[in-house]
Amino acid sequence: MKPKKFVLIAVDGGAASGKSTTSRAVAERFHLLHVDTGIHYRALTLLFLNWRRKYVGENPIADFLGQIKIETSLSGQSALVKINGSVPDDEDLRSPEVNAMVSHLAAMPNLRELLKGYQRGLTEFARENGFAGLIMEGRDIGTVIFPDADFKFFLQADEKTRAKRRADEGFQDSIAKRDKIDSNRKTAPLACADDAERIDNSNLTADEVVDKICAIIEG
């Protein structure tokens, strides 16, 4: 199934709200490029944690960002971020250390500004690689990155459901703590865009959520 025009879809929501599972399935249904922006922040966090151990200056964030080169590689229908020539290992990106730090680092305005330009540029990457559109997931996609997206969705679920999902994935971070940090940061906080379609998937299967989103897009 392929849209008649290049379509841009924003999917936002907190941790374990089903963004990745849903976005990948929708990407496959419509031949879209899938982009997980959470991985971008995790990749920079992982690199920063390793870099900080050797740093001896006075402005660690500014100096760190000044030596970052971000590129993109393609894996199936997903865009993989390359930092300084390498695609980070997924297991390393989801380590306890990265889980504990990523929301704090993602709250920094200069880091978000660096990634904003990169993320917006992925529309051209999608076009150049023959995709019918792009579906990007994160926490500020419909409000900051692509406020003019063709479709916006905000996924949510109750805290108990999300905590179980995280535990099933092998994570031990606090859902409530991450939500608080993400929602209260001054720059690009986690928020539902006014024109986004809210979907509570606490009691829905992944297939039901995907079918619901696809029906809206097709309609």
N, C-alpha and C. Protein backbone atom coordinates (compact mmCIF):
# COMPACT_ATOMS: atom_id res chain seq x y z
N MET A 1 0.85 -1.19 0.00
CA MET A 1 0.00 0.00 0.00
C MET A 1 0.89 1.24 0.00
N LYS A 2 0.68 2.14 -0.93
CA LYS A 2 1.56 3.31 -1.07
C LYS A 2 0.73 4.58 -1.21
N PRO A 3 0.97 5.58 -0.36
CA PRO A 3 0.24 6.85 -0.47
C PRO A 3 0.49 7.51 -1.83
N LYS A 4 -0.46 8.38 -2.24
CA LYS A 4 -0.34 9.06 -3.53
C LYS A 4 0.68 10.18 -3.48
N LYS A 5 0.98 10.69 -2.30
CA LYS A 5 1.98 11.74 -2.16
C LYS A 5 2.90 11.39 -1.00
N PHE A 6 4.05 12.06 -0.93
CA PHE A 6 4.98 11.85 0.18
C PHE A 6 4.27 12.25 1.46
N VAL A 7 4.19 11.34 2.41
CA VAL A 7 3.41 11.58 3.62
C VAL A 7 4.35 11.64 4.83
N LEU A 8 4.07 12.56 5.73
CA LEU A 8 4.88 12.76 6.93
C LEU A 8 4.02 12.51 8.16
N ILE A 9 4.45 11.56 8.99
CA ILE A 9 3.66 11.15 10.15
C ILE A 9 4.48 11.31 11.42
N ALA A 10 3.91 11.98 12.42
CA ALA A 10 4.56 12.17 13.72
C ALA A 10 3.88 11.30 14.76
N VAL A 11 4.68 10.56 15.52
CA VAL A 11 4.15 9.71 16.58
C VAL A 11 4.88 10.06 17.87
N ASP A 12 4.13 10.57 18.84
CA ASP A 12 4.72 10.96 20.13
C ASP A 12 4.12 10.15 21.27
N GLY A 13 4.80 10.20 22.42
CA GLY A 13 4.31 9.51 23.60
C GLY A 13 5.44 9.25 24.57
N GLY A 14 5.09 8.91 25.79
CA GLY A 14 6.09 8.63 26.80
C GLY A 14 6.73 7.26 26.62
N ALA A 15 7.60 6.91 27.57
CA ALA A 15 8.27 5.61 27.52
C ALA A 15 7.25 4.48 27.58
N ALA A 16 7.48 3.45 26.75
CA ALA A 16 6.64 2.24 26.73
C ALA A 16 5.19 2.52 26.37
N SER A 17 4.98 3.56 25.58
CA SER A 17 3.62 3.86 25.13
C SER A 17 3.29 3.15 23.81
N GLY A 18 4.24 2.39 23.28
CA GLY A 18 4.00 1.63 22.06
C GLY A 18 4.44 2.31 20.79
N LYS A 19 5.24 3.36 20.90
CA LYS A 19 5.63 4.13 19.72
C LYS A 19 6.39 3.29 18.69
N SER A 20 7.41 2.56 19.14
CA SER A 20 8.27 1.84 18.20
C SER A 20 7.54 0.70 17.50
N THR A 21 6.85 -0.12 18.28
CA THR A 21 6.12 -1.24 17.69
C THR A 21 5.11 -0.75 16.67
N THR A 22 4.38 0.28 17.04
CA THR A 22 3.36 0.84 16.15
C THR A 22 3.98 1.48 14.91
N SER A 23 5.00 2.30 15.10
CA SER A 23 5.59 3.03 13.99
C SER A 23 6.23 2.10 12.96
N ARG A 24 6.90 1.06 13.44
CA ARG A 24 7.51 0.11 12.50
C ARG A 24 6.45 -0.59 11.66
N ALA A 25 5.35 -0.98 12.28
CA ALA A 25 4.29 -1.68 11.56
C ALA A 25 3.62 -0.77 10.54
N VAL A 26 3.39 0.49 10.92
CA VAL A 26 2.78 1.44 9.98
C VAL A 26 3.75 1.72 8.83
N ALA A 27 5.04 1.81 9.13
CA ALA A 27 6.04 2.02 8.09
C ALA A 27 6.01 0.90 7.07
N GLU A 28 5.89 -0.33 7.55
CA GLU A 28 5.85 -1.48 6.64
C GLU A 28 4.57 -1.47 5.80
N ARG A 29 3.47 -1.06 6.41
CA ARG A 29 2.18 -1.07 5.72
C ARG A 29 2.19 -0.08 4.54
N PHE A 30 2.82 1.08 4.73
CA PHE A 30 2.77 2.14 3.71
C PHE A 30 4.09 2.40 3.01
N HIS A 31 5.09 1.57 3.24
CA HIS A 31 6.43 1.75 2.65
C HIS A 31 7.00 3.12 3.04
N LEU A 32 7.07 3.35 4.34
CA LEU A 32 7.61 4.60 4.88
C LEU A 32 8.98 4.35 5.51
N LEU A 33 9.79 5.38 5.59
CA LEU A 33 11.02 5.31 6.36
C LEU A 33 10.66 5.49 7.83
N HIS A 34 11.13 4.58 8.68
CA HIS A 34 10.88 4.68 10.12
C HIS A 34 12.08 5.28 10.82
N VAL A 35 11.82 6.27 11.67
CA VAL A 35 12.88 6.94 12.43
C VAL A 35 12.51 6.96 13.91
N ASP A 36 13.36 6.39 14.73
CA ASP A 36 13.19 6.39 16.19
C ASP A 36 14.14 7.44 16.76
N THR A 37 13.62 8.61 17.12
CA THR A 37 14.50 9.68 17.61
C THR A 37 15.03 9.39 19.01
N GLY A 38 14.36 8.50 19.75
CA GLY A 38 14.89 8.13 21.06
C GLY A 38 16.28 7.53 20.95
N ILE A 39 16.52 6.79 19.86
CA ILE A 39 17.83 6.20 19.63
C ILE A 39 18.88 7.29 19.43
N HIS A 40 18.49 8.41 18.82
CA HIS A 40 19.44 9.50 18.61
C HIS A 40 19.97 10.02 19.96
N TYR A 41 19.05 10.21 20.89
CA TYR A 41 19.45 10.71 22.20
C TYR A 41 20.23 9.66 22.98
N ARG A 42 19.86 8.42 22.83
CA ARG A 42 20.60 7.35 23.50
C ARG A 42 22.02 7.24 22.94
N ALA A 43 22.14 7.39 21.62
CA ALA A 43 23.46 7.28 21.01
C ALA A 43 24.40 8.38 21.51
N LEU A 44 23.88 9.60 21.58
CA LEU A 44 24.71 10.70 22.09
C LEU A 44 25.01 10.53 23.57
N THR A 45 24.05 10.00 24.31
CA THR A 45 24.27 9.76 25.74
C THR A 45 25.36 8.73 25.96
N LEU A 46 25.30 7.64 25.21
CA LEU A 46 26.32 6.59 25.32
C LEU A 46 27.70 7.15 25.01
N LEU A 47 27.79 7.91 23.94
CA LEU A 47 29.09 8.47 23.56
C LEU A 47 29.58 9.45 24.61
N PHE A 48 28.66 10.26 25.15
CA PHE A 48 29.04 11.24 26.16
C PHE A 48 29.56 10.56 27.43
N LEU A 49 28.90 9.50 27.86
CA LEU A 49 29.33 8.79 29.07
C LEU A 49 30.75 8.26 28.91
N ASN A 50 31.06 7.75 27.73
CA ASN A 50 32.41 7.24 27.49
C ASN A 50 33.42 8.38 27.36
N TRP A 51 33.01 9.45 26.71
CA TRP A 51 33.88 10.60 26.48
C TRP A 51 34.19 11.34 27.78
N ARG A 52 33.20 11.44 28.65
CA ARG A 52 33.35 12.21 29.89
C ARG A 52 34.41 11.62 30.82
N ARG A 53 34.60 10.33 30.73
CA ARG A 53 35.57 9.68 31.61
C ARG A 53 36.99 10.19 31.38
N LYS A 54 37.26 10.69 30.16
CA LYS A 54 38.60 11.17 29.83
C LYS A 54 38.70 12.70 29.78
N TYR A 55 37.55 13.37 29.92
CA TYR A 55 37.53 14.83 29.73
C TYR A 55 38.09 15.56 30.94
N VAL A 56 38.88 16.61 30.68
CA VAL A 56 39.50 17.37 31.77
C VAL A 56 39.22 18.86 31.66
N GLY A 57 38.38 19.30 30.71
CA GLY A 57 38.10 20.72 30.53
C GLY A 57 37.01 21.24 31.44
N GLU A 58 36.51 22.45 31.12
CA GLU A 58 35.53 23.10 31.98
C GLU A 58 34.13 23.19 31.34
N ASN A 59 34.01 22.91 30.06
CA ASN A 59 32.71 22.99 29.37
C ASN A 59 32.41 21.68 28.65
N PRO A 60 32.10 20.63 29.40
CA PRO A 60 32.00 19.30 28.81
C PRO A 60 30.95 19.18 27.70
N ILE A 61 29.77 19.74 27.88
CA ILE A 61 28.72 19.59 26.88
C ILE A 61 29.08 20.32 25.59
N ALA A 62 29.51 21.57 25.70
CA ALA A 62 29.87 22.36 24.52
C ALA A 62 31.03 21.70 23.77
N ASP A 63 32.04 21.27 24.49
CA ASP A 63 33.19 20.64 23.85
C ASP A 63 32.80 19.30 23.23
N PHE A 64 31.92 18.58 23.90
CA PHE A 64 31.47 17.28 23.39
C PHE A 64 30.70 17.46 22.08
N LEU A 65 29.74 18.37 22.05
CA LEU A 65 28.92 18.56 20.86
C LEU A 65 29.73 19.10 19.69
N GLY A 66 30.79 19.81 20.00
CA GLY A 66 31.61 20.38 18.94
C GLY A 66 32.38 19.36 18.13
N GLN A 67 32.50 18.13 18.62
CA GLN A 67 33.26 17.12 17.88
C GLN A 67 32.37 15.98 17.41
N ILE A 68 31.05 16.26 17.30
CA ILE A 68 30.09 15.24 16.88
C ILE A 68 29.79 15.35 15.38
N LYS A 69 29.85 14.22 14.67
CA LYS A 69 29.44 14.14 13.28
C LYS A 69 28.32 13.11 13.18
N ILE A 70 27.16 13.53 12.68
CA ILE A 70 26.00 12.64 12.62
C ILE A 70 25.67 12.32 11.16
N GLU A 71 25.52 11.03 10.88
CA GLU A 71 25.16 10.55 9.55
C GLU A 71 24.06 9.50 9.68
N THR A 72 23.62 8.96 8.55
CA THR A 72 22.52 8.01 8.55
C THR A 72 22.85 6.82 7.67
N SER A 73 22.51 5.62 8.15
CA SER A 73 22.56 4.43 7.31
C SER A 73 21.18 3.79 7.33
N LEU A 74 20.95 2.91 6.38
CA LEU A 74 19.63 2.32 6.21
C LEU A 74 19.66 0.84 6.54
N SER A 75 18.69 0.40 7.35
CA SER A 75 18.54 -1.02 7.67
C SER A 75 17.08 -1.39 7.42
N GLY A 76 16.81 -2.02 6.29
CA GLY A 76 15.43 -2.30 5.93
C GLY A 76 14.68 -1.00 5.71
N GLN A 77 13.65 -0.76 6.53
CA GLN A 77 12.89 0.47 6.42
C GLN A 77 13.18 1.43 7.57
N SER A 78 14.23 1.16 8.32
CA SER A 78 14.58 2.02 9.45
C SER A 78 15.87 2.78 9.19
N ALA A 79 15.88 4.04 9.62
CA ALA A 79 17.08 4.87 9.53
C ALA A 79 17.90 4.68 10.80
N LEU A 80 19.15 4.31 10.63
CA LEU A 80 20.04 4.13 11.77
C LEU A 80 20.99 5.32 11.87
N VAL A 81 21.15 5.84 13.07
CA VAL A 81 22.03 6.99 13.25
C VAL A 81 23.47 6.51 13.40
N LYS A 82 24.37 7.22 12.71
CA LYS A 82 25.81 6.97 12.82
C LYS A 82 26.45 8.16 13.50
N ILE A 83 27.13 7.91 14.60
CA ILE A 83 27.81 8.97 15.33
C ILE A 83 29.31 8.80 15.12
N ASN A 84 29.91 9.80 14.50
CA ASN A 84 31.35 9.76 14.22
C ASN A 84 31.75 8.47 13.48
N GLY A 85 30.90 8.10 12.51
CA GLY A 85 31.23 6.98 11.63
C GLY A 85 30.76 5.62 12.07
N SER A 86 30.16 5.50 13.27
CA SER A 86 29.77 4.19 13.78
C SER A 86 28.30 4.15 14.19
N VAL A 87 27.65 3.01 13.94
CA VAL A 87 26.30 2.78 14.43
C VAL A 87 26.42 2.11 15.79
N PRO A 88 25.91 2.71 16.86
CA PRO A 88 26.07 2.15 18.20
C PRO A 88 25.36 0.79 18.33
N ASP A 89 25.91 -0.06 19.17
CA ASP A 89 25.31 -1.36 19.44
C ASP A 89 24.03 -1.17 20.26
N ASP A 90 22.96 -1.85 19.84
CA ASP A 90 21.66 -1.67 20.49
C ASP A 90 21.70 -2.04 21.96
N GLU A 91 22.43 -3.08 22.30
CA GLU A 91 22.51 -3.49 23.71
C GLU A 91 23.17 -2.41 24.56
N ASP A 92 24.20 -1.77 24.02
CA ASP A 92 24.86 -0.69 24.74
C ASP A 92 23.93 0.51 24.92
N LEU A 93 23.10 0.78 23.90
CA LEU A 93 22.19 1.92 23.96
C LEU A 93 21.14 1.76 25.06
N ARG A 94 20.89 0.53 25.47
CA ARG A 94 19.84 0.27 26.45
C ARG A 94 20.40 -0.19 27.80
N SER A 95 21.64 0.16 28.04
CA SER A 95 22.28 -0.18 29.31
C SER A 95 21.67 0.63 30.45
N PRO A 96 21.78 0.16 31.68
CA PRO A 96 21.27 0.92 32.84
C PRO A 96 21.84 2.32 32.93
N GLU A 97 23.12 2.48 32.56
CA GLU A 97 23.77 3.79 32.64
C GLU A 97 23.13 4.78 31.66
N VAL A 98 22.87 4.31 30.45
CA VAL A 98 22.24 5.17 29.45
C VAL A 98 20.79 5.47 29.86
N ASN A 99 20.08 4.46 30.35
CA ASN A 99 18.70 4.67 30.80
C ASN A 99 18.62 5.75 31.87
N ALA A 100 19.58 5.76 32.77
CA ALA A 100 19.56 6.72 33.88
C ALA A 100 19.90 8.14 33.44
N MET A 101 20.65 8.27 32.35
CA MET A 101 21.16 9.59 31.96
C MET A 101 20.42 10.22 30.79
N VAL A 102 19.77 9.41 29.94
CA VAL A 102 19.31 9.92 28.66
C VAL A 102 18.31 11.07 28.79
N SER A 103 17.37 11.01 29.72
CA SER A 103 16.38 12.08 29.85
C SER A 103 17.04 13.39 30.30
N HIS A 104 18.08 13.29 31.13
CA HIS A 104 18.78 14.49 31.60
C HIS A 104 19.54 15.14 30.45
N LEU A 105 20.23 14.33 29.65
CA LEU A 105 20.99 14.88 28.54
C LEU A 105 20.04 15.43 27.47
N ALA A 106 18.92 14.74 27.26
CA ALA A 106 17.95 15.18 26.25
C ALA A 106 17.28 16.50 26.61
N ALA A 107 17.38 16.92 27.85
CA ALA A 107 16.78 18.18 28.28
C ALA A 107 17.65 19.39 27.94
N MET A 108 18.85 19.15 27.46
CA MET A 108 19.78 20.25 27.18
C MET A 108 19.46 20.90 25.84
N PRO A 109 19.19 22.20 25.82
CA PRO A 109 18.76 22.89 24.59
C PRO A 109 19.75 22.77 23.43
N ASN A 110 21.05 22.89 23.70
CA ASN A 110 22.03 22.86 22.60
C ASN A 110 22.10 21.47 21.96
N LEU A 111 21.89 20.43 22.76
CA LEU A 111 21.89 19.09 22.20
C LEU A 111 20.63 18.87 21.36
N ARG A 112 19.50 19.35 21.83
CA ARG A 112 18.25 19.19 21.08
C ARG A 112 18.31 19.99 19.77
N GLU A 113 18.95 21.14 19.81
CA GLU A 113 19.06 21.95 18.61
C GLU A 113 19.92 21.24 17.56
N LEU A 114 20.98 20.61 18.01
CA LEU A 114 21.84 19.86 17.10
C LEU A 114 21.04 18.76 16.40
N LEU A 115 20.25 18.03 17.17
CA LEU A 115 19.49 16.91 16.60
C LEU A 115 18.28 17.37 15.80
N LYS A 116 17.75 18.53 16.11
CA LYS A 116 16.57 19.01 15.37
C LYS A 116 16.88 19.16 13.89
N GLY A 117 17.99 19.77 13.58
CA GLY A 117 18.36 19.94 12.18
C GLY A 117 18.58 18.61 11.49
N TYR A 118 19.24 17.70 12.18
CA TYR A 118 19.48 16.37 11.62
C TYR A 118 18.16 15.63 11.37
N GLN A 119 17.26 15.67 12.36
CA GLN A 119 16.00 14.95 12.23
C GLN A 119 15.12 15.51 11.11
N ARG A 120 15.08 16.80 10.99
CA ARG A 120 14.30 17.39 9.90
C ARG A 120 14.87 17.01 8.54
N GLY A 121 16.17 16.87 8.46
CA GLY A 121 16.80 16.51 7.20
C GLY A 121 16.52 15.10 6.74
N LEU A 122 15.96 14.27 7.60
CA LEU A 122 15.69 12.89 7.24
C LEU A 122 14.54 12.75 6.24
N THR A 123 13.76 13.82 6.04
CA THR A 123 12.74 13.75 4.99
C THR A 123 13.42 13.59 3.63
N GLU A 124 14.51 14.31 3.41
CA GLU A 124 15.23 14.19 2.15
C GLU A 124 15.88 12.82 2.01
N PHE A 125 16.37 12.30 3.11
CA PHE A 125 16.95 10.95 3.09
C PHE A 125 15.89 9.94 2.67
N ALA A 126 14.67 10.11 3.17
CA ALA A 126 13.57 9.20 2.81
C ALA A 126 13.24 9.31 1.33
N ARG A 127 13.17 10.54 0.83
CA ARG A 127 12.88 10.74 -0.60
C ARG A 127 13.97 10.13 -1.48
N GLU A 128 15.21 10.39 -1.12
CA GLU A 128 16.33 9.91 -1.93
C GLU A 128 16.39 8.39 -1.99
N ASN A 129 15.86 7.74 -0.96
CA ASN A 129 15.89 6.28 -0.92
C ASN A 129 14.58 5.64 -1.36
N GLY A 130 13.71 6.43 -1.98
CA GLY A 130 12.52 5.89 -2.63
C GLY A 130 11.35 5.55 -1.73
N PHE A 131 11.33 6.10 -0.52
CA PHE A 131 10.21 5.83 0.38
C PHE A 131 9.02 6.72 0.04
N ALA A 132 7.83 6.21 0.37
CA ALA A 132 6.60 6.96 0.10
C ALA A 132 6.35 8.03 1.15
N GLY A 133 7.14 8.04 2.19
CA GLY A 133 7.00 9.03 3.24
C GLY A 133 7.88 8.68 4.42
N LEU A 134 7.64 9.34 5.53
CA LEU A 134 8.45 9.14 6.72
C LEU A 134 7.55 9.10 7.94
N ILE A 135 7.80 8.17 8.84
CA ILE A 135 7.11 8.14 10.13
C ILE A 135 8.18 8.26 11.21
N MET A 136 8.09 9.31 12.00
CA MET A 136 9.09 9.60 13.02
C MET A 136 8.45 9.56 14.39
N GLU A 137 9.10 8.86 15.30
CA GLU A 137 8.58 8.73 16.66
C GLU A 137 9.49 9.43 17.67
N GLY A 138 8.88 9.95 18.73
CA GLY A 138 9.65 10.61 19.76
C GLY A 138 8.77 11.25 20.80
N ARG A 139 9.22 12.41 21.29
CA ARG A 139 8.47 13.11 22.33
C ARG A 139 8.12 14.54 21.94
N ASP A 140 8.71 15.02 20.84
CA ASP A 140 8.42 16.40 20.41
C ASP A 140 8.26 16.49 18.90
N ILE A 141 7.90 15.37 18.28
CA ILE A 141 7.86 15.35 16.82
C ILE A 141 6.73 16.22 16.28
N GLY A 142 5.53 16.04 16.80
CA GLY A 142 4.38 16.80 16.31
C GLY A 142 4.34 18.23 16.79
N THR A 143 5.11 18.56 17.82
CA THR A 143 5.09 19.91 18.38
C THR A 143 6.28 20.76 17.94
N VAL A 144 7.45 20.12 17.72
CA VAL A 144 8.67 20.88 17.43
C VAL A 144 9.32 20.47 16.11
N ILE A 145 9.56 19.19 15.93
CA ILE A 145 10.30 18.75 14.74
C ILE A 145 9.48 18.92 13.47
N PHE A 146 8.26 18.38 13.48
CA PHE A 146 7.38 18.49 12.31
C PHE A 146 5.99 18.97 12.72
N PRO A 147 5.87 20.25 13.10
CA PRO A 147 4.55 20.77 13.51
C PRO A 147 3.55 20.78 12.36
N ASP A 148 4.02 20.68 11.11
CA ASP A 148 3.13 20.65 9.95
C ASP A 148 2.98 19.25 9.36
N ALA A 149 3.23 18.22 10.16
CA ALA A 149 3.12 16.85 9.68
C ALA A 149 1.71 16.58 9.15
N ASP A 150 1.62 15.70 8.17
CA ASP A 150 0.31 15.35 7.60
C ASP A 150 -0.58 14.66 8.62
N PHE A 151 0.02 13.84 9.46
CA PHE A 151 -0.72 13.12 10.50
C PHE A 151 0.09 13.15 11.79
N LYS A 152 -0.62 13.34 12.90
CA LYS A 152 0.03 13.33 14.21
C LYS A 152 -0.74 12.41 15.14
N PHE A 153 0.01 11.58 15.86
CA PHE A 153 -0.60 10.66 16.81
C PHE A 153 0.14 10.76 18.14
N PHE A 154 -0.61 10.70 19.21
CA PHE A 154 -0.02 10.71 20.55
C PHE A 154 -0.48 9.45 21.26
N LEU A 155 0.47 8.54 21.52
CA LEU A 155 0.13 7.26 22.15
C LEU A 155 0.32 7.35 23.66
N GLN A 156 -0.59 6.73 24.37
CA GLN A 156 -0.50 6.73 25.83
C GLN A 156 -1.08 5.44 26.38
N ALA A 157 -0.69 5.14 27.61
CA ALA A 157 -1.21 3.97 28.31
C ALA A 157 -1.04 4.24 29.80
N ASP A 158 -1.77 3.53 30.62
CA ASP A 158 -1.66 3.77 32.06
C ASP A 158 -0.28 3.32 32.55
N GLU A 159 0.13 3.87 33.69
CA GLU A 159 1.49 3.64 34.19
C GLU A 159 1.77 2.17 34.47
N LYS A 160 0.78 1.45 34.99
CA LYS A 160 0.98 0.03 35.31
C LYS A 160 1.27 -0.77 34.04
N THR A 161 0.52 -0.50 32.98
CA THR A 161 0.73 -1.19 31.71
C THR A 161 2.11 -0.89 31.15
N ARG A 162 2.50 0.38 31.19
CA ARG A 162 3.80 0.75 30.64
C ARG A 162 4.95 0.18 31.46
N ALA A 163 4.79 0.14 32.78
CA ALA A 163 5.84 -0.42 33.63
C ALA A 163 6.04 -1.91 33.33
N LYS A 164 4.96 -2.61 33.09
CA LYS A 164 5.07 -4.03 32.74
C LYS A 164 5.76 -4.21 31.39
N ARG A 165 5.44 -3.36 30.44
CA ARG A 165 6.09 -3.44 29.13
C ARG A 165 7.59 -3.23 29.27
N ARG A 166 7.98 -2.25 30.07
CA ARG A 166 9.41 -1.99 30.26
C ARG A 166 10.09 -3.18 30.92
N ALA A 167 9.43 -3.76 31.91
CA ALA A 167 10.01 -4.92 32.60
C ALA A 167 10.16 -6.09 31.64
N ASP A 168 9.16 -6.28 30.77
CA ASP A 168 9.22 -7.37 29.79
C ASP A 168 10.37 -7.16 28.80
N GLU A 169 10.74 -5.89 28.58
CA GLU A 169 11.84 -5.57 27.68
C GLU A 169 13.20 -5.64 28.38
N GLY A 170 13.18 -5.87 29.69
CA GLY A 170 14.42 -5.97 30.45
C GLY A 170 14.90 -4.67 31.04
N PHE A 171 14.05 -3.61 31.05
CA PHE A 171 14.43 -2.32 31.62
C PHE A 171 13.97 -2.23 33.07
N GLN A 172 14.72 -1.44 33.85
CA GLN A 172 14.37 -1.24 35.24
C GLN A 172 14.25 0.24 35.60
N ASP A 173 14.11 1.10 34.60
CA ASP A 173 14.00 2.53 34.88
C ASP A 173 12.58 2.88 35.32
N SER A 174 12.43 4.04 35.94
CA SER A 174 11.15 4.48 36.46
C SER A 174 10.36 5.24 35.41
N ILE A 175 9.18 4.72 35.08
CA ILE A 175 8.31 5.37 34.10
C ILE A 175 7.91 6.75 34.59
N ALA A 176 7.48 6.84 35.84
CA ALA A 176 7.00 8.12 36.38
C ALA A 176 8.12 9.16 36.40
N LYS A 177 9.32 8.74 36.75
CA LYS A 177 10.45 9.67 36.81
C LYS A 177 10.80 10.19 35.42
N ARG A 178 10.82 9.30 34.44
CA ARG A 178 11.14 9.73 33.08
C ARG A 178 10.06 10.66 32.53
N ASP A 179 8.80 10.34 32.81
CA ASP A 179 7.71 11.21 32.35
C ASP A 179 7.85 12.61 32.94
N LYS A 180 8.20 12.68 34.22
CA LYS A 180 8.32 13.97 34.89
C LYS A 180 9.44 14.81 34.27
N ILE A 181 10.59 14.17 34.03
CA ILE A 181 11.72 14.90 33.44
C ILE A 181 11.37 15.35 32.02
N ASP A 182 10.80 14.44 31.23
CA ASP A 182 10.49 14.75 29.83
C ASP A 182 9.40 15.81 29.70
N SER A 183 8.43 15.78 30.60
CA SER A 183 7.30 16.71 30.50
C SER A 183 7.62 18.10 31.06
N ASN A 184 8.58 18.17 31.97
CA ASN A 184 8.87 19.44 32.64
C ASN A 184 10.11 20.17 32.13
N ARG A 185 10.82 19.58 31.18
CA ARG A 185 12.00 20.29 30.67
C ARG A 185 11.54 21.55 29.93
N LYS A 186 12.38 22.57 29.93
CA LYS A 186 12.02 23.85 29.34
C LYS A 186 12.02 23.80 27.81
N THR A 187 12.93 23.00 27.25
CA THR A 187 13.04 22.92 25.81
C THR A 187 12.34 21.68 25.28
N ALA A 188 11.37 21.88 24.38
CA ALA A 188 10.67 20.77 23.69
C ALA A 188 10.19 19.70 24.65
N PRO A 189 9.34 20.06 25.61
CA PRO A 189 8.84 19.05 26.54
C PRO A 189 7.92 18.05 25.87
N LEU A 190 7.78 16.88 26.48
CA LEU A 190 6.83 15.88 26.01
C LEU A 190 5.43 16.47 26.13
N ALA A 191 4.72 16.56 25.00
CA ALA A 191 3.38 17.14 25.00
C ALA A 191 2.62 16.64 23.79
N CYS A 192 1.32 16.59 23.93
CA CYS A 192 0.46 16.20 22.82
C CYS A 192 0.12 17.43 22.00
N ALA A 193 0.42 17.39 20.71
CA ALA A 193 0.07 18.52 19.84
C ALA A 193 -1.44 18.71 19.83
N ASP A 194 -1.88 19.95 19.71
CA ASP A 194 -3.31 20.25 19.74
C ASP A 194 -4.09 19.50 18.67
N ASP A 195 -3.46 19.27 17.52
CA ASP A 195 -4.15 18.62 16.42
C ASP A 195 -3.79 17.14 16.27
N ALA A 196 -3.21 16.55 17.32
CA ALA A 196 -2.84 15.14 17.27
C ALA A 196 -4.01 14.25 17.68
N GLU A 197 -4.02 13.06 17.15
CA GLU A 197 -5.02 12.05 17.52
C GLU A 197 -4.48 11.28 18.72
N ARG A 198 -5.16 11.39 19.86
CA ARG A 198 -4.75 10.65 21.06
C ARG A 198 -5.27 9.22 20.98
N ILE A 199 -4.40 8.28 21.29
CA ILE A 199 -4.81 6.88 21.31
C ILE A 199 -4.30 6.24 22.60
N ASP A 200 -5.22 5.84 23.47
CA ASP A 200 -4.86 5.13 24.70
C ASP A 200 -4.86 3.64 24.36
N ASN A 201 -3.70 3.03 24.43
CA ASN A 201 -3.58 1.62 24.06
C ASN A 201 -3.41 0.69 25.24
N SER A 202 -3.84 1.13 26.42
CA SER A 202 -3.73 0.31 27.63
C SER A 202 -4.39 -1.04 27.43
N ASN A 203 -5.55 -1.04 26.76
CA ASN A 203 -6.32 -2.27 26.59
C ASN A 203 -6.47 -2.67 25.12
N LEU A 204 -5.54 -2.21 24.29
CA LEU A 204 -5.56 -2.55 22.87
C LEU A 204 -4.34 -3.40 22.52
N THR A 205 -4.50 -4.29 21.57
CA THR A 205 -3.34 -5.03 21.08
C THR A 205 -2.56 -4.14 20.12
N ALA A 206 -1.33 -4.54 19.85
CA ALA A 206 -0.51 -3.76 18.91
C ALA A 206 -1.18 -3.71 17.53
N ASP A 207 -1.75 -4.82 17.11
CA ASP A 207 -2.41 -4.85 15.80
C ASP A 207 -3.61 -3.91 15.76
N GLU A 208 -4.34 -3.82 16.86
CA GLU A 208 -5.51 -2.93 16.90
C GLU A 208 -5.09 -1.47 16.79
N VAL A 209 -3.99 -1.12 17.43
CA VAL A 209 -3.49 0.25 17.36
C VAL A 209 -3.04 0.57 15.94
N VAL A 210 -2.31 -0.35 15.35
CA VAL A 210 -1.82 -0.14 13.97
C VAL A 210 -3.00 -0.01 13.01
N ASP A 211 -3.98 -0.88 13.13
CA ASP A 211 -5.14 -0.81 12.25
C ASP A 211 -5.89 0.51 12.40
N LYS A 212 -5.98 0.99 13.62
CA LYS A 212 -6.66 2.24 13.87
C LYS A 212 -5.93 3.41 13.20
N ILE A 213 -4.62 3.45 13.36
CA ILE A 213 -3.82 4.51 12.75
C ILE A 213 -3.89 4.44 11.23
N CYS A 214 -3.76 3.24 10.69
CA CYS A 214 -3.78 3.07 9.23
C CYS A 214 -5.14 3.47 8.65
N ALA A 215 -6.21 3.20 9.38
CA ALA A 215 -7.53 3.59 8.91
C ALA A 215 -7.66 5.10 8.83
N ILE A 216 -7.06 5.80 9.80
CA ILE A 216 -7.09 7.26 9.78
C ILE A 216 -6.30 7.80 8.61
N ILE A 217 -5.14 7.22 8.36
CA ILE A 217 -4.29 7.66 7.25
C ILE A 217 -4.98 7.39 5.91
N GLU A 218 -5.55 6.23 5.78
CA GLU A 218 -6.23 5.87 4.52
C GLU A 218 -7.45 6.74 4.28
N GLY A 219 -8.10 7.13 5.39
CA GLY A 219 -9.29 7.93 5.26
C GLY A 219 -9.04 9.36 4.87
